[in-house]
Protein backbone atom coordinates (compact mmCIF):
# COMPACT_ATOMS: atom_id res chain seq x y z
CA MET A 1 0.01 0.02 -0.01
CA TYR A 2 2.75 2.37 1.06
CA GLN A 3 4.81 1.49 -2.16
CA LYS A 4 1.61 2.16 -4.43
CA GLY A 5 1.07 5.48 -2.63
CA LEU A 6 4.60 6.58 -3.30
CA THR A 7 4.30 5.70 -6.97
CA VAL A 8 1.21 7.83 -7.32
CA LEU A 9 3.08 10.68 -5.48
CA GLU A 10 6.02 10.44 -7.91
CA GLU A 11 3.70 10.58 -10.78
CA GLU A 12 2.08 13.63 -9.50
CA MET A 13 5.47 15.40 -8.90
CA ALA A 14 6.49 14.52 -12.42
CA PHE A 15 3.33 16.36 -13.84
CA PRO A 16 2.80 19.18 -11.47
CA ALA A 17 0.52 20.94 -13.90
CA GLU A 18 -2.14 18.45 -13.40
CA ALA A 19 -2.02 18.91 -9.56
CA LEU A 20 -2.22 22.65 -9.58
CA PRO A 21 -5.32 24.15 -7.73
CA GLU A 22 -7.96 25.63 -9.85
CA GLY A 23 -7.25 29.27 -10.85
CA MET A 24 -3.50 28.95 -10.88
CA LEU A 25 -1.42 29.57 -14.12
CA PHE A 26 1.57 27.38 -14.93
CA VAL A 27 3.81 28.32 -17.91
CA ARG A 28 6.07 25.84 -19.32
CA ILE A 29 9.62 26.94 -20.12
CA ALA A 30 9.37 25.36 -23.50
CA HIS A 31 6.61 27.58 -24.44
CA ILE A 32 8.65 30.67 -23.48
CA LEU A 33 11.62 29.49 -25.59
CA THR A 34 9.41 28.87 -28.56
CA ALA A 35 7.81 32.37 -28.32
CA MET A 36 11.30 33.97 -27.99
CA LEU A 37 12.40 32.07 -31.14
CA LYS A 38 9.37 33.39 -33.13
CA ALA A 39 9.51 36.96 -31.97
CA PRO A 40 12.31 37.97 -34.38
CA ILE A 41 10.45 36.37 -37.24
CA ILE A 42 7.18 38.20 -36.28
CA ALA A 43 9.09 41.57 -35.98
CA ALA A 44 10.81 41.00 -39.39
CA CYS A 45 7.39 40.37 -41.03
CA LEU A 46 5.97 43.50 -39.44
CA PHE A 47 9.02 45.41 -40.77
CA ILE A 48 8.61 44.18 -44.17
CA LEU A 49 4.87 44.95 -44.12
CA ALA A 50 5.51 48.38 -42.93
CA LEU A 51 8.23 48.99 -45.69
CA SER A 52 5.91 47.62 -48.35
CA SER A 53 3.14 50.02 -47.32
CA CYS A 54 5.41 52.97 -47.44
CA VAL A 55 6.74 51.88 -51.02
CA GLN A 56 3.21 51.41 -52.06
CA TYR A 57 2.17 54.83 -50.70
CA ALA A 58 5.18 56.42 -52.53
CA LEU A 59 4.34 54.77 -55.93
CA SER A 60 0.67 55.70 -55.65
CA SER A 61 1.40 59.21 -54.54
CA THR A 62 0.91 61.40 -57.62
CA ARG A 63 1.30 65.19 -57.25
CA ALA A 64 0.85 67.45 -60.20
CA LEU A 65 0.75 71.27 -60.43
CA GLU A 66 -0.16 73.09 -63.74
CA PHE A 67 -0.67 76.81 -64.60
CA THR A 68 -2.51 77.88 -67.70
CA ILE A 69 -2.09 81.62 -68.42
CA TYR A 70 -5.02 83.22 -70.43
CA GLY A 71 -4.60 86.15 -72.69
CA ASP A 72 -5.86 88.64 -70.11
CA GLY A 73 -3.39 87.57 -67.44
CA THR A 74 -5.88 85.43 -65.58
CA THR A 75 -4.09 81.96 -64.54
CA HIS A 76 -6.01 78.74 -64.24
CA VAL A 77 -4.37 76.52 -61.60
CA PHE A 78 -4.73 72.74 -61.33
CA TYR A 79 -3.37 70.75 -58.47
CA GLN A 80 -3.70 67.06 -57.79
CA GLY A 81 -2.20 65.21 -54.62
CA THR A 82 -2.82 62.38 -52.27
CA VAL A 83 -4.44 62.79 -48.75
CA ASP A 84 -4.93 60.62 -45.72
CA PRO A 85 -8.27 58.91 -46.09
CA GLN A 86 -8.54 58.68 -42.25
CA SER A 87 -8.18 62.31 -41.76
CA PRO A 88 -11.37 64.46 -41.65
CA ASP A 89 -9.84 67.34 -43.50
CA SER A 90 -6.69 68.43 -45.27
CA VAL A 91 -5.02 71.84 -46.10
CA VAL A 92 -4.04 72.49 -49.69
CA GLY A 93 -1.74 75.33 -50.55
CA ILE A 94 -3.17 77.96 -52.92
CA PHE A 95 -1.36 80.45 -55.17
CA GLY A 96 -2.75 84.05 -55.15
CA ASN A 97 -5.18 85.75 -52.87
CA THR A 98 -8.14 85.22 -55.05
CA THR A 99 -9.75 81.94 -56.18
CA ASP A 100 -12.51 82.16 -58.70
CA ASN A 101 -14.49 79.32 -60.17
CA LEU A 102 -12.95 77.05 -57.36
CA VAL A 103 -13.76 73.29 -57.93
CA VAL A 104 -12.48 70.55 -55.44
CA ARG A 105 -13.11 66.88 -56.29
CA ASP A 106 -11.91 63.47 -54.92
CA GLN A 107 -10.52 60.61 -57.00
CA ASN A 108 -14.09 59.62 -58.03
CA GLY A 109 -15.02 63.17 -59.24
CA THR A 110 -17.28 63.79 -56.17
CA LEU A 111 -17.38 67.57 -55.07
CA LEU A 112 -15.71 68.23 -51.70
CA SER A 113 -16.55 71.12 -49.47
CA SER A 114 -13.66 73.58 -48.87
CA LYS A 115 -12.96 76.81 -47.01
CA ALA A 116 -10.23 79.42 -47.56
CA GLU A 117 -7.99 79.71 -44.53
CA PRO A 118 -4.89 81.99 -43.96
CA ASN A 119 -2.51 79.02 -44.44
CA GLY A 120 -4.38 77.56 -47.46
CA LEU A 121 -7.61 75.87 -48.56
CA ASP A 122 -9.10 73.57 -45.93
CA VAL A 123 -10.83 70.71 -47.61
CA GLU A 124 -13.06 68.16 -46.06
CA THR A 125 -11.33 64.94 -47.40
CA LEU A 126 -12.72 62.20 -44.91
CA GLY A 127 -12.58 58.97 -46.92
CA ALA A 128 -10.85 60.50 -50.05
CA SER A 129 -7.46 59.28 -50.96
CA SER A 130 -6.60 62.13 -53.40
CA VAL A 131 -7.87 65.65 -54.28
CA LYS A 132 -8.01 67.61 -57.54
CA VAL A 133 -8.19 71.42 -57.12
CA ASP A 134 -9.12 73.80 -60.08
CA TYR A 135 -9.41 77.55 -59.77
CA ASP A 136 -8.68 80.79 -61.57
CA THR A 137 -6.61 83.63 -60.09
CA PRO A 138 -5.52 87.15 -61.41
CA ASP A 139 -2.82 87.50 -58.81
CA LEU A 140 0.12 85.55 -60.46
CA VAL A 141 0.71 87.90 -63.56
CA SER A 142 1.84 91.54 -63.23
CA LYS A 143 1.84 93.86 -66.12
CA ASN A 144 4.54 96.44 -66.84
CA GLY A 145 3.91 98.08 -70.09
CA LYS A 146 4.17 95.49 -72.93
CA THR A 147 6.06 93.09 -70.68
CA TRP A 148 4.05 90.83 -68.51
CA THR A 149 5.63 88.72 -65.70
CA PHE A 150 4.36 85.41 -64.31
CA ARG A 151 5.71 84.89 -60.91
CA VAL A 152 5.20 81.85 -58.70
CA ASP A 153 7.07 80.02 -55.77
CA SER A 154 6.24 76.35 -55.81
CA PRO A 155 7.05 73.62 -53.38
CA LEU A 156 7.05 70.96 -56.24
CA ASP A 157 7.82 70.76 -59.94
CA TYR A 158 5.32 72.44 -62.20
CA SER A 159 4.36 73.28 -65.75
CA VAL A 160 3.35 76.64 -67.33
CA LEU A 161 1.30 77.07 -70.54
CA LEU A 162 1.67 80.54 -72.01
CA PRO A 163 -1.17 82.10 -74.15
CA ALA A 164 -1.00 82.04 -77.82
CA ASN A 165 1.33 84.60 -79.57
CA ALA A 166 3.15 85.10 -76.25
CA VAL A 167 7.00 85.46 -76.75
CA ILE A 168 9.29 84.73 -73.83
CA VAL A 169 11.77 87.58 -73.28
CA GLY A 170 13.39 86.37 -70.01
CA MET A 171 13.28 83.66 -67.30
CA SER A 172 14.90 83.63 -63.80
CA THR A 173 15.14 79.80 -63.77
CA VAL A 174 16.48 77.21 -66.18
CA PRO A 175 13.50 75.07 -67.35
CA THR A 176 13.64 71.23 -67.36
CA ASN A 177 11.73 71.24 -70.63
CA LEU A 178 10.34 73.68 -73.19
CA GLN A 179 8.17 72.72 -76.08
CA VAL A 180 5.43 74.39 -78.28
CA VAL A 181 1.85 72.71 -78.23
CA ASP A 182 -0.67 74.09 -80.68
CA GLY A 183 1.27 77.32 -81.04
CA GLN A 184 1.59 77.90 -77.23
CA SER A 185 4.81 77.55 -75.13
CA LEU A 186 4.66 74.74 -72.54
CA ILE A 187 7.43 75.24 -69.89
CA SER A 188 8.31 72.58 -67.25
CA LEU A 189 10.18 74.13 -64.21
CA PRO A 190 11.64 72.72 -61.02
CA SER A 191 10.35 73.61 -57.56
CA GLY A 192 11.22 76.96 -56.13
CA SER A 193 10.59 80.57 -57.19
CA ALA A 194 10.58 81.59 -60.88
CA ASP A 195 9.75 84.65 -63.11
CA ILE A 196 8.78 84.34 -66.62
CA ASN A 197 8.70 87.57 -68.65
CA TYR A 198 6.77 87.64 -71.89
CA VAL A 199 5.30 89.91 -74.52
CA PHE A 200 2.58 89.48 -77.14
CA GLY A 201 4.42 89.44 -80.46
CA VAL A 202 2.90 91.03 -83.57
CA LEU A 203 4.32 89.15 -86.51
CA GLY A 204 4.93 90.52 -90.01
CA THR A 205 6.55 93.99 -89.29
CA SER A 206 10.13 94.95 -89.89
CA GLN A 207 10.35 96.56 -86.36
CA SER A 208 9.12 93.41 -84.54
CA ALA A 209 11.43 91.06 -86.64
CA THR A 210 14.43 93.36 -85.76
CA MET A 211 13.65 93.38 -82.11
CA ALA A 212 13.09 89.59 -82.07
CA ILE A 213 16.36 88.89 -83.90
CA GLN A 214 18.26 91.24 -81.56
CA LYS A 215 16.79 89.58 -78.52
CA ALA A 216 17.71 86.17 -79.89
CA HIS A 217 21.30 87.37 -80.72
CA ASP A 218 21.82 88.75 -77.18
CA PHE A 219 20.51 85.57 -75.46
CA VAL A 220 22.54 83.32 -77.62
CA SER A 221 25.64 85.33 -76.92
CA THR A 222 25.02 85.28 -73.24
CA VAL A 223 24.69 81.42 -73.44
CA ASN A 224 27.92 81.21 -75.44
CA SER A 225 29.74 83.40 -72.81
CA GLU A 226 29.11 80.41 -70.39
CA ASN A 227 31.22 78.22 -72.63
CA ILE A 228 28.06 76.52 -73.93
CA THR A 229 27.91 75.85 -77.64
CA THR A 230 24.46 76.38 -79.49
CA PRO A 231 24.78 75.05 -82.92
CA LEU A 232 21.07 74.72 -83.39
CA ALA A 233 20.25 78.22 -81.97
CA SER A 234 22.96 79.67 -84.27
CA GLU A 235 21.72 78.00 -87.26
CA LYS A 236 18.03 79.25 -86.58
CA LEU A 237 19.46 82.78 -85.93
CA ALA A 238 21.25 82.66 -89.35
CA GLU A 239 18.07 81.70 -91.20
CA ALA A 240 16.26 84.49 -89.32
CA ASN A 241 18.74 87.03 -90.70
CA SER A 242 18.53 85.49 -94.20
CA ALA A 243 14.66 85.73 -94.10
CA PHE A 244 14.83 89.43 -92.93
CA ASN A 245 17.26 90.38 -95.68
CA GLN A 246 14.67 88.82 -98.15
CA GLY A 247 11.96 90.96 -96.64
CA ARG A 248 10.19 87.92 -95.11
CA TYR A 249 9.72 89.60 -91.72
CA SER A 250 6.96 87.35 -90.47
CA ASP A 251 9.24 84.33 -91.10
CA ALA A 252 12.26 86.08 -89.71
CA GLU A 253 10.55 86.86 -86.28
CA ALA A 254 9.31 83.34 -85.97
CA LEU A 255 12.81 81.91 -86.67
CA ALA A 256 14.33 84.25 -84.24
CA ASN A 257 11.87 83.07 -81.58
CA ASP A 258 12.86 79.45 -82.51
CA ALA A 259 16.42 80.31 -82.12
CA LYS A 260 15.98 81.55 -78.63
CA ASN A 261 13.94 78.61 -77.59
CA ALA A 262 16.68 76.34 -79.02
CA ALA A 263 19.31 78.05 -77.05
CA ILE A 264 17.32 77.75 -73.94
CA GLN A 265 17.10 73.94 -74.54
CA GLU A 266 20.84 73.71 -75.44
CA GLN A 267 21.71 75.56 -72.28
CA GLN A 268 19.41 73.30 -70.10
CA SER A 269 20.98 70.11 -71.58
CA VAL A 270 24.46 71.20 -70.61
CA LEU A 271 23.57 72.36 -67.18
CA SER A 272 21.69 69.17 -66.40
CA ALA A 273 24.29 66.80 -67.69
CA PRO A 274 26.17 64.79 -64.98
CA LYS A 275 29.70 65.93 -64.12
CA PRO A 276 32.66 63.88 -65.57
CA ASP A 277 33.74 62.57 -62.05
CA ALA A 278 30.18 62.06 -60.67
CA GLY A 279 30.36 58.28 -61.04
CA ALA A 280 34.09 57.52 -60.63
CA GLY A 281 33.71 55.49 -57.44
CA THR A 282 30.12 54.10 -57.76
CA THR A 283 29.60 50.73 -56.29
CA PRO A 284 27.12 48.20 -57.71
CA ILE A 285 24.76 48.84 -54.72
CA LEU A 286 24.68 52.62 -55.50
CA ILE A 287 24.15 51.73 -59.22
CA ALA A 288 21.21 49.55 -58.35
CA ALA A 289 19.72 52.11 -56.12
CA GLY A 290 20.07 54.66 -58.78
CA VAL A 291 18.33 52.40 -61.22
CA ALA A 292 15.53 51.77 -58.69
CA ALA A 293 15.01 55.35 -58.07
CA ALA A 294 14.94 56.17 -61.74
CA GLY A 295 12.34 53.51 -62.30
CA THR A 296 10.26 55.00 -59.45
CA THR A 297 10.53 58.49 -60.78
CA ALA A 298 9.54 57.32 -64.33
CA PHE A 299 6.54 55.39 -62.98
CA ILE A 300 5.30 58.42 -60.90
CA MET A 301 5.89 60.67 -63.91
CA LEU A 302 3.85 58.30 -66.21
CA ARG A 303 1.05 58.35 -63.90
CA ARG A 304 1.25 62.18 -63.50
CA THR A 305 1.08 62.48 -67.22
CA ARG A 306 -2.01 60.26 -67.38
CA ASN A 307 -3.92 62.01 -64.70
CA SER A 308 -2.77 65.68 -64.85
CA ARG A 309 -4.83 66.80 -67.88
CA GLU A 310 -8.18 65.73 -66.45
CA ILE A 311 -10.66 68.67 -66.58
CA ALA A 312 -12.53 69.46 -63.31
CA VAL A 313 -16.20 69.98 -64.03
CA PRO A 314 -18.90 70.10 -61.17
CA VAL A 315 -21.76 67.61 -61.26
CA MET A 316 -24.57 68.77 -63.53
CA PRO A 317 -27.83 69.32 -61.73
CA GLN A 318 -30.49 66.72 -62.41
CA ASN A 319 -33.83 68.10 -63.37
CA ASN A 320 -36.38 67.90 -66.23
CA TYR A 321 -34.50 70.51 -68.29
CA VAL A 322 -35.12 70.13 -72.04
CA ALA A 323 -32.72 72.05 -74.35
CA PRO A 324 -34.17 74.02 -77.16
CA ASP A 325 -33.11 73.34 -80.91
CA LYS A 326 -30.10 75.36 -81.86
CA ASP A 327 -31.38 75.65 -85.51
CA SER A 328 -34.52 77.38 -84.21
CA ILE A 329 -32.26 79.77 -82.41
CA PHE A 330 -30.24 80.55 -85.49
CA LYS A 331 -33.42 80.98 -87.50
CA LEU A 332 -34.81 83.54 -85.09
CA ARG A 333 -31.46 85.31 -84.52
CA PRO A 334 -29.81 85.42 -88.00
CA GLU A 335 -27.69 88.47 -86.98
CA LEU A 336 -25.62 86.55 -84.40
CA ARG A 337 -21.84 86.68 -84.68
CA GLN A 338 -19.97 83.57 -85.92
CA GLU A 339 -18.27 83.19 -82.47
CA ASP A 340 -21.73 83.35 -80.84
CA ARG A 341 -23.06 80.65 -83.12
CA GLU A 342 -20.11 78.45 -82.31
CA ILE A 343 -20.69 78.79 -78.62
CA ILE A 344 -24.51 78.06 -78.97
CA ALA A 345 -23.59 74.90 -81.05
CA PHE A 346 -21.08 73.75 -78.50
CA ILE A 347 -23.76 74.26 -75.73
CA SER A 348 -26.24 72.40 -77.78
CA GLU A 349 -23.98 69.46 -78.30
CA LYS A 350 -23.45 69.28 -74.52
CA GLY A 351 -27.12 68.85 -73.92
CA GLY A 352 -28.01 72.56 -73.79
CA ARG A 353 -26.06 73.26 -70.60
CA VAL A 354 -22.26 73.86 -69.88
CA PHE A 355 -20.31 75.42 -67.13
CA GLU A 356 -18.36 78.68 -68.04
CA SER A 357 -15.03 76.87 -67.36
CA GLU A 358 -15.91 74.36 -70.06
CA LEU A 359 -16.41 77.21 -72.62
CA ARG A 360 -12.94 78.71 -71.71
CA LYS A 361 -11.30 75.35 -72.09
CA LYS A 362 -13.10 74.49 -75.33
CA PHE A 363 -12.36 77.88 -77.10
CA LEU A 364 -9.17 78.81 -75.22
CA LEU A 365 -10.68 82.24 -74.40
CA PRO A 366 -9.63 84.50 -71.47
CA ARG A 367 -12.11 84.77 -68.72
CA THR A 368 -13.16 88.28 -69.62
CA THR A 369 -13.80 87.44 -73.24
CA THR A 370 -15.92 84.45 -72.38
CA TRP A 371 -17.97 86.32 -69.90
CA ARG A 372 -18.60 89.12 -72.33
CA ALA A 373 -19.96 86.65 -74.99
CA VAL A 374 -22.06 84.83 -72.38
CA LYS A 375 -23.62 88.17 -71.08
CA ARG A 376 -24.15 89.17 -74.76
CA LEU A 377 -26.18 85.87 -75.27
CA GLU A 378 -28.02 86.59 -72.14
CA ARG A 379 -29.07 90.06 -73.18
CA GLU A 380 -30.40 88.42 -76.43
CA GLY A 381 -32.51 86.10 -74.35
CA ILE A 382 -30.70 83.09 -75.63
CA VAL A 383 -29.14 81.78 -72.46
CA GLU A 384 -29.58 82.06 -68.78
CA ILE A 385 -26.97 81.96 -66.08
CA GLU A 386 -27.34 79.96 -62.90
CA LYS A 387 -24.88 79.56 -59.93
CA VAL A 388 -23.93 75.98 -59.13
CA ASP A 389 -21.24 75.08 -56.69
CA GLN A 390 -19.56 78.39 -57.10
CA GLN A 391 -19.49 78.16 -60.84
CA ASN A 392 -21.63 79.71 -63.61
CA LEU A 393 -23.87 77.26 -65.37
CA ILE A 394 -24.88 78.37 -68.88
CA LYS A 395 -28.24 77.07 -70.12
CA LEU A 396 -29.79 77.55 -73.60
CA GLN A 397 -33.36 78.89 -73.23
CA ARG A 398 -36.21 78.95 -75.56
CA VAL A 399 -36.12 82.09 -77.70
CA GLU A 400 -39.30 84.14 -77.83
CA GLY A 401 -41.34 83.03 -80.83
CA GLY A 402 -39.48 79.65 -81.10
CA SER A 403 -40.41 76.13 -80.20
CA GLN A 404 -38.43 73.38 -78.51
């Protein structure tokens, strides 16, 4: 009996967990060791997850800033950037003290509420992952006689589209790219402050051609004084002088402007080229990092190019509006100007209702010119103007004596 009881006692001592009173916690050392071994693995997984999230955010983060200058000096500003979807609001920096025709949308095109604050535009962005901001401002262009100056200080790279017939006479910053799109100069600039001086050229006169050739010659000489060769600009300048001597003043002025633009591009190419000793001691790791950075930058720029040209238009009100027939308007108003007919035809194609910003973007007209045309049609009883989300909605209305 005693021996049997001792055996049972030994068994209970060998497995103390089974003999613990209820409510006591016993942790095996083996479990602790297992957890300690797993901890670095878990930490590494969490680190990789956090790193991948940062990379994904960086790749999906698209920021774009574009300025479009109209003929009257008004500038249209377009900004696109990512925001924290968990944050109830976000502050977006604005350029100028005046923001006309302000439209703020999320990534789905839904209008967002916003309020101007001293430090920027306070946008209610809860749930949004990106915002797109469009507005007009007259505060970025100053006018000093015939020379107008666009001035801006931007925290990120941006582009500037000058109005038609604008000739650049000076820039305080070397552009990263310069090209002509549909007769308008499109300039890409790095972050920071920049001044762009321009005039509206009048082609076809001896005086204007002489001034253009002289300015191009002075600029090319300045670039050459920096030990930068400009073969393309020099060739264009020679062609300009030849055209001037033949009395082709319009061609001479155009070639002189081409020579100046070519000199800007040749100057930029030299200044942006890597130094001869820049990669003397580069290791394979640094080369791989550079390739990865270049790939990331190219990906972001590609996404920016795809998304930056989207036009911001508020949501059209839903009602039982029925547009009148444009032919009936033309029949009852045969004295209409050609430009008024084109505006009416465009509004008719859009269902009889468009926003004023759509008219400006369609016909590339300054804001004042567009507004005068709209008010002229309103006086004729052809359109009516309605305020929708801080924008002017232009609607065709039935002309007296006509039928829908």
